[in-house]
C-alpha atoms as a PDB file:
ATOM      1  CA  MET A   1       1.863  13.907   1.975  1.00  0.00           C
ATOM      2  CA  THR A   2       4.129  10.871   2.095  1.00  0.00           C
ATOM      3  CA  VAL A   3       4.429   8.292   4.846  1.00  0.00           C
ATOM      4  CA  TYR A   4       8.029   9.328   5.459  1.00  0.00           C
ATOM      5  CA  SER A   5       7.067  12.942   6.103  1.00  0.00           C
ATOM      6  CA  PHE A   6       4.962  11.736   9.042  1.00  0.00           C
ATOM      7  CA  GLN A   7       7.630   9.626  10.763  1.00  0.00           C
ATOM      8  CA  GLY A   8       7.662  10.528  14.439  1.00  0.00           C
ATOM      9  CA  ALA A   9       4.394  12.476  14.202  1.00  0.00           C
ATOM     10  CA  ASP A  10       1.130  11.800  16.029  1.00  0.00           C
ATOM     11  CA  ILE A  11      -2.031  12.297  13.984  1.00  0.00           C
ATOM     12  CA  ASN A  12      -5.058  13.121  16.099  1.00  0.00           C
ATOM     13  CA  GLU A  13      -7.627  13.300  13.274  1.00  0.00           C
ATOM     14  CA  ASN A  14      -8.993  11.172  10.433  1.00  0.00           C
ATOM     15  CA  TYR A  15      -6.568  10.298   7.662  1.00  0.00           C
ATOM     16  CA  ASN A  16      -6.401   8.075   4.574  1.00  0.00           C
ATOM     17  CA  ILE A  17      -3.668   5.635   3.625  1.00  0.00           C
ATOM     18  CA  TYR A  18      -3.528   5.113  -0.144  1.00  0.00           C
ATOM     19  CA  ASP A  19      -1.850   2.305  -2.113  1.00  0.00           C
ATOM     20  CA  VAL A  20      -1.820  -0.012   0.907  1.00  0.00           C
ATOM     21  CA  GLU A  21      -1.258  -3.046  -1.321  1.00  0.00           C
ATOM     22  CA  ARG A  22       1.981  -1.525  -2.666  1.00  0.00           C
ATOM     23  CA  MET A  23       3.555  -0.798   0.746  1.00  0.00           C
ATOM     24  CA  ASP A  24       6.140  -2.991   2.372  1.00  0.00           C
ATOM     25  CA  ILE A  25       5.608  -3.946   5.993  1.00  0.00           C
ATOM     26  CA  LYS A  26       7.812  -1.186   7.442  1.00  0.00           C
ATOM     27  CA  MET A  27       6.082   1.546   5.462  1.00  0.00           C
ATOM     28  CA  LEU A  28       2.645   0.209   6.398  1.00  0.00           C
ATOM     29  CA  TYR A  29       3.706   0.048  10.046  1.00  0.00           C
ATOM     30  CA  THR A  30       4.800   3.687   9.922  1.00  0.00           C
ATOM     31  CA  ALA A  31       1.544   4.753   8.278  1.00  0.00           C
ATOM     32  CA  LEU A  32      -0.587   2.828  10.766  1.00  0.00           C
ATOM     33  CA  SER A  33       1.358   3.754  13.881  1.00  0.00           C
ATOM     34  CA  ARG A  34       0.975   7.525  13.450  1.00  0.00           C
ATOM     35  CA  THR A  35      -2.615   7.495  14.711  1.00  0.00           C
ATOM     36  CA  CYS A  36      -3.820   8.257  18.207  1.00  0.00           C
ATOM     37  CA  LYS A  37      -6.919   6.076  17.625  1.00  0.00           C
ATOM     38  CA  PHE A  38      -7.515   3.245  15.151  1.00  0.00           C
ATOM     39  CA  GLU A  39     -10.876   4.792  14.265  1.00  0.00           C
ATOM     40  CA  PHE A  40      -9.006   7.649  12.539  1.00  0.00           C
ATOM     41  CA  ILE A  41      -7.415   5.352   9.927  1.00  0.00           C
ATOM     42  CA  HIS A  42      -9.039   4.864   6.525  1.00  0.00           C
ATOM     43  CA  LEU A  43      -7.350   2.330   4.252  1.00  0.00           C
ATOM     44  CA  ASN A  44      -7.723   2.850   0.514  1.00  0.00           C
ATOM     45  CA  PHE A  45      -7.079   0.047  -1.938  1.00  0.00           C
ATOM     46  CA  LYS A  46      -6.740   0.654  -5.677  1.00  0.00           C
ATOM     47  CA  SER A  47      -9.180  -1.369  -7.716  1.00  0.00           C
ATOM     48  CA  LEU A  48      -8.553  -2.724 -11.200  1.00  0.00           C
ATOM     49  CA  ASN A  49     -10.111   0.341 -12.835  1.00  0.00           C
ATOM     50  CA  ARG A  50      -7.600   2.609 -11.037  1.00  0.00           C
ATOM     51  CA  LYS A  51     -10.198   4.247  -8.799  1.00  0.00           C
ATOM     52  CA  TYR A  52      -9.908   4.153  -5.056  1.00  0.00           C
ATOM     53  CA  LYS A  53     -12.217   2.124  -2.876  1.00  0.00           C
ATOM     54  CA  ASN A  54     -12.470   3.607   0.574  1.00  0.00           C
ATOM     55  CA  ARG A  55     -12.696   1.271   3.536  1.00  0.00           C
ATOM     56  CA  HIS A  56     -13.950   3.346   6.433  1.00  0.00           C
ATOM     57  CA  SER A  57     -12.645   1.012   9.100  1.00  0.00           C
ATOM     58  CA  PRO A  58      -9.364  -0.880   8.972  1.00  0.00           C
ATOM     59  CA  ILE A  59      -9.329  -4.634   9.167  1.00  0.00           C
ATOM     60  CA  ILE A  60      -8.208  -4.901  12.770  1.00  0.00           C
ATOM     61  CA  GLU A  61      -6.783  -8.414  12.322  1.00  0.00           C
ATOM     62  CA  LEU A  62      -4.577  -7.150   9.480  1.00  0.00           C
ATOM     63  CA  VAL A  63      -3.463  -4.141  11.487  1.00  0.00           C
ATOM     64  CA  ASN A  64      -2.704  -6.213  14.581  1.00  0.00           C
ATOM     65  CA  SER A  65      -0.789  -8.831  12.610  1.00  0.00           C
ATOM     66  CA  LYS A  66       1.360  -6.127  10.985  1.00  0.00           C
ATOM     67  CA  PHE A  67       2.052  -4.432  14.354  1.00  0.00           C
ATOM     68  CA  ASN A  68       2.841  -7.686  16.152  1.00  0.00           C
ATOM     69  CA  SER A  69       5.004  -9.259  13.459  1.00  0.00           C
ATOM     70  CA  LEU A  70       7.199  -6.374  12.329  1.00  0.00           C
ATOM     71  CA  TYR A  71       9.970  -6.859  14.894  1.00  0.00           C
ATOM     72  CA  LYS A  72       9.409 -10.524  15.804  1.00  0.00           C
ATOM     73  CA  ASN A  73      12.511 -11.424  13.751  1.00  0.00           C
ATOM     74  CA  GLY A  74      14.720  -8.877  15.513  1.00  0.00           C
ATOM     75  CA  LYS A  75      18.430  -9.638  15.530  1.00  0.00           C
ATOM     76  CA  ILE A  76      21.584  -8.017  16.832  1.00  0.00           C
ATOM     77  CA  TYR A  77      24.484  -8.713  14.491  1.00  0.00           C
ATOM     78  CA  GLU A  78      28.095  -7.811  13.990  1.00  0.00           C
ATOM     79  CA  VAL A  79      30.062  -7.366  10.829  1.00  0.00           C
ATOM     80  CA  VAL A  80      33.737  -8.218  11.230  1.00  0.00           C
ATOM     81  CA  PHE A  81      36.493  -7.151   8.864  1.00  0.00           C
ATOM     82  CA  ASP A  82      39.888  -8.705   8.143  1.00  0.00           C
ATOM     83  CA  ASN A  83      41.615  -5.599   9.560  1.00  0.00           C
ATOM     84  CA  GLY A  84      40.238  -6.328  13.070  1.00  0.00           C
ATOM     85  CA  LYS A  85      37.506  -3.691  13.023  1.00  0.00           C
ATOM     86  CA  PHE A  86      33.836  -4.528  13.481  1.00  0.00           C
ATOM     87  CA  TYR A  87      30.383  -2.973  13.210  1.00  0.00           C
ATOM     88  CA  VAL A  88      27.349  -3.823  15.384  1.00  0.00           C
ATOM     89  CA  GLY A  89      23.771  -3.292  14.226  1.00  0.00           C
ATOM     90  CA  CYS A  90      20.200  -4.496  14.549  1.00  0.00           C
ATOM     91  CA  THR A  91      17.778  -5.697  11.896  1.00  0.00           C
ATOM     92  CA  CYS A  92      14.637  -7.695  11.228  1.00  0.00           C
ATOM     93  CA  GLU A  93      15.983  -8.788   7.827  1.00  0.00           C
ATOM     94  CA  GLU A  94      17.884 -11.945   6.983  1.00  0.00           C
ATOM     95  CA  LEU A  95      21.549 -11.345   7.789  1.00  0.00           C
ATOM     96  CA  ALA A  96      22.847 -11.969   4.258  1.00  0.00           C
ATOM     97  CA  LYS A  97      20.308  -9.496   2.889  1.00  0.00           C
ATOM     98  CA  ARG A  98      21.286  -6.913   5.533  1.00  0.00           C
ATOM     99  CA  LEU A  99      24.957  -7.256   4.626  1.00  0.00           C
ATOM    100  CA  GLU A 100      24.144  -6.651   0.948  1.00  0.00           C
ATOM    101  CA  GLN A 101      22.181  -3.521   1.933  1.00  0.00           C
ATOM    102  CA  HIS A 102      25.206  -2.243   3.867  1.00  0.00           C
ATOM    103  CA  LYS A 103      27.509  -2.886   0.900  1.00  0.00           C
ATOM    104  CA  LYS A 104      25.291  -0.725  -1.341  1.00  0.00           C
ATOM    105  CA  ASP A 105      24.633   2.121   1.134  1.00  0.00           C
ATOM    106  CA  LEU A 106      27.198   4.881   0.596  1.00  0.00           C
ATOM    107  CA  LYS A 107      26.616   6.213   4.132  1.00  0.00           C
ATOM    108  CA  SER A 108      27.150   2.845   5.837  1.00  0.00           C
ATOM    109  CA  GLN A 109      30.321   2.206   7.812  1.00  0.00           C
ATOM    110  CA  VAL A 110      30.351  -1.282   6.281  1.00  0.00           C
ATOM    111  CA  TYR A 111      30.345   0.237   2.776  1.00  0.00           C
ATOM    112  CA  LYS A 112      33.342   2.388   3.706  1.00  0.00           C
ATOM    113  CA  SER A 113      35.273  -0.730   4.752  1.00  0.00           C
ATOM    114  CA  LYS A 114      33.898  -3.155   2.160  1.00  0.00           C
ATOM    115  CA  ASN A 115      37.386  -3.868   0.783  1.00  0.00           C
ATOM    116  CA  HIS A 116      38.275  -5.539   4.100  1.00  0.00           C
ATOM    117  CA  LYS A 117      36.136  -8.659   3.466  1.00  0.00           C
ATOM    118  CA  PRO A 118      33.127  -7.999   5.707  1.00  0.00           C
ATOM    119  CA  LYS A 119      31.467 -11.060   7.229  1.00  0.00           C
ATOM    120  CA  ILE A 120      28.186 -10.857   9.115  1.00  0.00           C
ATOM    121  CA  ARG A 121      27.208 -13.043  12.041  1.00  0.00           C
ATOM    122  CA  LEU A 122      24.366 -13.218  14.511  1.00  0.00           C
ATOM    123  CA  THR A 123      25.157 -11.973  18.004  1.00  0.00           C
ATOM    124  CA  ILE A 124      21.713 -12.165  19.670  1.00  0.00           C
ATOM    125  CA  ASP A 125      18.229 -13.180  18.566  1.00  0.00           C
ATOM    126  CA  ALA A 126      16.108 -10.288  19.811  1.00  0.00           C
ATOM    127  CA  PRO A 127      12.430 -10.833  18.961  1.00  0.00           C
ATOM    128  CA  SER A 128      10.596  -7.704  20.024  1.00  0.00           C
ATOM    129  CA  ARG A 129       7.405  -5.738  19.626  1.00  0.00           C
ATOM    130  CA  GLU A 130       9.163  -2.493  18.733  1.00  0.00           C
ATOM    131  CA  LYS A 131      12.481  -1.245  17.386  1.00  0.00           C
ATOM    132  CA  LYS A 132      13.357   0.468  20.655  1.00  0.00           C
ATOM    133  CA  SER A 133      13.389  -2.904  22.425  1.00  0.00           C
ATOM    134  CA  ILE A 134      15.795  -4.328  19.851  1.00  0.00           C
ATOM    135  CA  ARG A 135      18.149  -1.391  20.294  1.00  0.00           C
ATOM    136  CA  ILE A 136      18.097  -1.812  24.082  1.00  0.00           C
ATOM    137  CA  HIS A 137      19.498  -5.334  23.592  1.00  0.00           C
END
């Protein structure tokens, strides 16, 4: 099963997370936050000989640092266009990087108006502990 297939789910039993060292912070957060109890999580790191080493208990400091730092850089931003329209969003990314993501995402409203010279600017710094808090801002 993939991490994405468990988004929004609660896992109330033991489970393994493989390829931890290859995950970005958002994917690791999703994988870790599905559990009902930290004791259920088993982190598996690939060794040099391509076999898995099982760690039966997660490194709590690592887990806590990932949980506490994911949304600490929360921002509310707006993208303004030369035709007077604008788009408001939230991110934990650098604003320039977020704008580039919008310009490449075919489903993004910014992509659909990219010919109108989009410019991104910070509206509110919104450091948070969770995405929901950022969206409330």
